[in-house]
Protein backbone atom coordinates (compact mmCIF):
# COMPACT_ATOMS: atom_id res chain seq x y z
CA MET A 1 -22.91 -1.73 21.91
CA SER A 2 -23.88 0.74 19.40
CA THR A 3 -22.09 2.91 18.04
CA PRO A 4 -24.04 5.94 19.48
CA TYR A 5 -23.81 4.96 23.00
CA LEU A 6 -19.76 3.58 21.94
CA LEU A 7 -19.42 7.26 21.08
CA ALA A 8 -21.29 9.03 24.33
CA ASP A 9 -18.91 6.64 27.05
CA LEU A 10 -15.83 7.51 24.51
CA LEU A 11 -16.42 10.68 25.17
CA ALA A 12 -16.88 10.53 28.33
CA GLN A 13 -13.56 8.78 28.96
CA GLU A 14 -12.52 12.29 27.70
CA SER A 15 -14.19 14.19 29.83
CA GLU A 16 -13.24 12.21 33.06
CA LEU A 17 -10.34 11.14 32.57
CA GLN A 18 -7.83 14.47 33.24
CA PHE A 19 -5.44 15.19 35.39
CA ASP A 20 -4.81 17.73 38.26
CA LEU A 21 -1.25 18.17 37.37
CA PHE A 22 0.65 16.32 34.90
CA ASN A 23 4.57 16.42 34.28
CA ASN A 24 7.85 14.26 33.64
CA HIS A 25 7.34 12.77 36.82
CA THR A 26 3.89 11.94 35.67
CA ALA A 27 4.40 11.07 32.61
CA TRP A 28 6.91 8.57 33.89
CA GLN A 29 4.42 6.68 36.43
CA LEU A 30 1.81 6.43 33.69
CA GLY A 31 4.74 5.30 31.49
CA CYS A 32 5.56 2.24 33.97
CA LYS A 33 2.15 1.27 35.00
CA LEU A 34 1.70 0.84 30.87
CA LYS A 35 4.76 -1.25 31.05
CA LYS A 36 4.25 -3.04 33.90
CA THR A 37 0.44 -4.28 32.55
CA ALA A 38 2.17 -5.17 29.08
CA GLU A 39 4.62 -7.27 31.02
CA ASP A 40 1.92 -9.11 33.52
CA LYS A 41 -0.59 -9.83 29.64
CA ASN A 42 2.76 -11.02 27.97
CA ALA A 43 1.33 -8.19 25.48
CA VAL A 44 3.73 -7.11 22.95
CA VAL A 45 3.43 -3.43 22.37
CA ALA A 46 5.06 -0.25 22.29
CA ILE A 47 4.17 2.58 24.53
CA GLU A 48 4.97 6.46 24.60
CA VAL A 49 3.80 9.14 26.90
CA TYR A 50 4.04 12.56 24.63
CA ALA A 51 3.57 16.02 26.57
CA PHE A 52 4.55 19.32 26.39
CA ASN A 53 6.04 18.46 22.53
CA GLN A 54 8.41 16.13 23.86
CA ILE A 55 8.46 12.55 24.23
CA LEU A 56 8.59 11.96 27.78
CA PHE A 57 8.41 7.95 28.37
CA SER A 58 8.80 5.47 25.28
CA TYR A 59 9.50 1.78 25.52
CA ALA A 60 8.71 -1.16 22.98
CA MET A 61 8.56 -4.28 24.55
CA PRO A 62 10.99 -7.40 23.45
CA GLY A 63 8.89 -8.54 20.12
CA THR A 64 8.01 -5.17 18.52
CA GLN A 65 9.07 -3.95 15.66
CA VAL A 66 9.46 -0.51 13.64
CA ASP A 67 6.14 -0.55 12.36
CA ASN A 68 4.82 0.36 15.86
CA SER A 69 6.52 3.35 16.75
CA HIS A 70 5.37 4.67 12.92
CA TRP A 71 1.52 3.65 14.58
CA ILE A 72 2.08 5.26 17.50
CA LYS A 73 3.32 8.28 15.48
CA ARG A 74 0.25 8.86 13.53
CA LYS A 75 -1.95 7.96 16.27
CA ARG A 76 -0.55 10.54 18.34
CA ASP A 77 -0.61 13.06 15.49
CA THR A 78 -4.35 11.89 15.08
CA VAL A 79 -4.89 13.24 18.50
CA LEU A 80 -3.21 16.17 18.56
CA ARG A 81 -4.51 17.92 16.02
CA PHE A 82 -7.99 16.66 16.16
CA GLY A 83 -8.02 16.72 20.81
CA HIS A 84 -9.91 13.12 20.56
CA SER A 85 -8.74 9.43 21.56
CA THR A 86 -8.17 7.48 18.10
CA TYR A 87 -10.89 4.64 19.24
CA TYR A 88 -13.28 7.75 19.11
CA ILE A 89 -12.12 8.75 16.08
CA GLY A 90 -12.52 5.65 13.82
CA GLN A 91 -15.71 4.58 15.39
CA TYR A 92 -17.48 8.88 14.89
CA ASN A 93 -16.15 8.20 11.39
CA LYS A 94 -17.73 4.57 11.32
CA ALA A 95 -21.06 5.61 12.27
CA LYS A 96 -20.71 8.48 9.70
CA ASN A 97 -20.42 5.10 6.87
CA ARG A 98 -16.57 6.61 5.83
CA GLU A 99 -13.04 5.65 6.71
CA PHE A 100 -11.04 8.19 8.13
CA GLU A 101 -7.87 8.24 6.43
CA GLN A 102 -10.13 7.52 3.17
CA GLN A 103 -11.09 11.19 3.76
CA MET A 104 -9.76 14.02 1.38
CA HIS A 105 -8.09 16.29 4.20
CA ILE A 106 -6.55 13.20 5.35
CA ASN A 107 -3.07 12.30 4.75
CA ALA A 108 -2.99 8.13 5.86
CA TYR A 109 0.54 8.33 6.18
CA GLU A 110 0.81 10.91 8.90
CA TYR A 111 -3.03 10.23 10.63
CA CYS A 112 -4.81 6.92 11.96
CA ALA A 113 -8.06 6.28 13.20
CA HIS A 114 -7.08 2.95 15.09
CA GLY A 115 -7.36 2.71 18.56
CA GLY A 116 -4.62 3.54 21.10
CA ALA A 117 -4.33 6.96 21.11
CA PHE A 118 -5.67 9.03 24.08
CA PRO A 119 -5.13 13.07 25.01
CA ILE A 120 -3.40 13.94 28.01
CA ARG A 121 -5.61 16.71 29.27
CA ILE A 122 -4.94 18.65 32.79
CA LYS A 123 -8.50 20.00 34.29
CA ASN A 124 -8.95 24.21 33.25
CA CYS A 125 -5.80 23.57 31.11
CA GLY A 126 -6.60 21.58 28.26
CA LEU A 127 -4.80 19.13 25.89
CA VAL A 128 -1.03 18.88 26.71
CA GLY A 129 0.06 15.41 25.30
CA VAL A 130 -0.83 12.07 24.28
CA VAL A 131 -0.54 8.73 25.55
CA THR A 132 -0.64 5.33 23.22
CA VAL A 133 -0.28 1.93 22.99
CA SER A 134 0.06 -0.41 20.07
CA GLY A 135 0.25 -3.70 19.28
CA LEU A 136 -2.74 -4.98 20.21
CA PRO A 137 -6.17 -5.27 18.46
CA GLN A 138 -7.57 -1.34 18.66
CA GLU A 139 -10.20 -2.22 21.39
CA GLU A 140 -7.73 -3.36 23.66
CA ASP A 141 -4.74 -0.84 23.34
CA HIS A 142 -7.39 1.52 24.79
CA GLN A 143 -8.50 -0.53 27.14
CA MET A 144 -4.81 -0.48 28.05
CA VAL A 145 -4.74 2.98 28.49
CA ILE A 146 -7.94 3.95 30.00
CA ASN A 147 -6.86 1.28 32.75
CA ALA A 148 -4.18 2.79 33.83
CA LEU A 149 -5.25 6.72 33.49
CA THR A 150 -8.06 5.34 35.31
CA ASP A 151 -5.81 3.99 38.08
CA LEU A 152 -3.44 6.67 37.97
CA ILE A 153 -6.21 9.62 38.39
């Protein structure tokens, strides 16, 4: 799939996958759904659901490392700053023939454009948080999040 079509699909996901209601209970359901999916696939990932300026769910599968936590924070901060999934940010910059992390206004120690972090939005309200998976290739991290959100929403 070419990048322009992919970008449109990624933006459509962000538009469609919004909650009517999101709270601590919803965050727990989302995190548990991701954990079960990871267990079913024997995927070694770390998972975070962050909303309302706090971590509401966090789990590191056996075999993960502290690096996964660093990736999660960088991915989360990217979504919070730019308002799009990290996979979209990466593909958008790829379409512009540039590396996100190489831009002068980006501190690569704080932000990254590797798939796996997705905005949590409440309909008619806006961005309230981020759900993140780290540990698989970026397309798989992203798809795991999309599948969980689709099932839950």
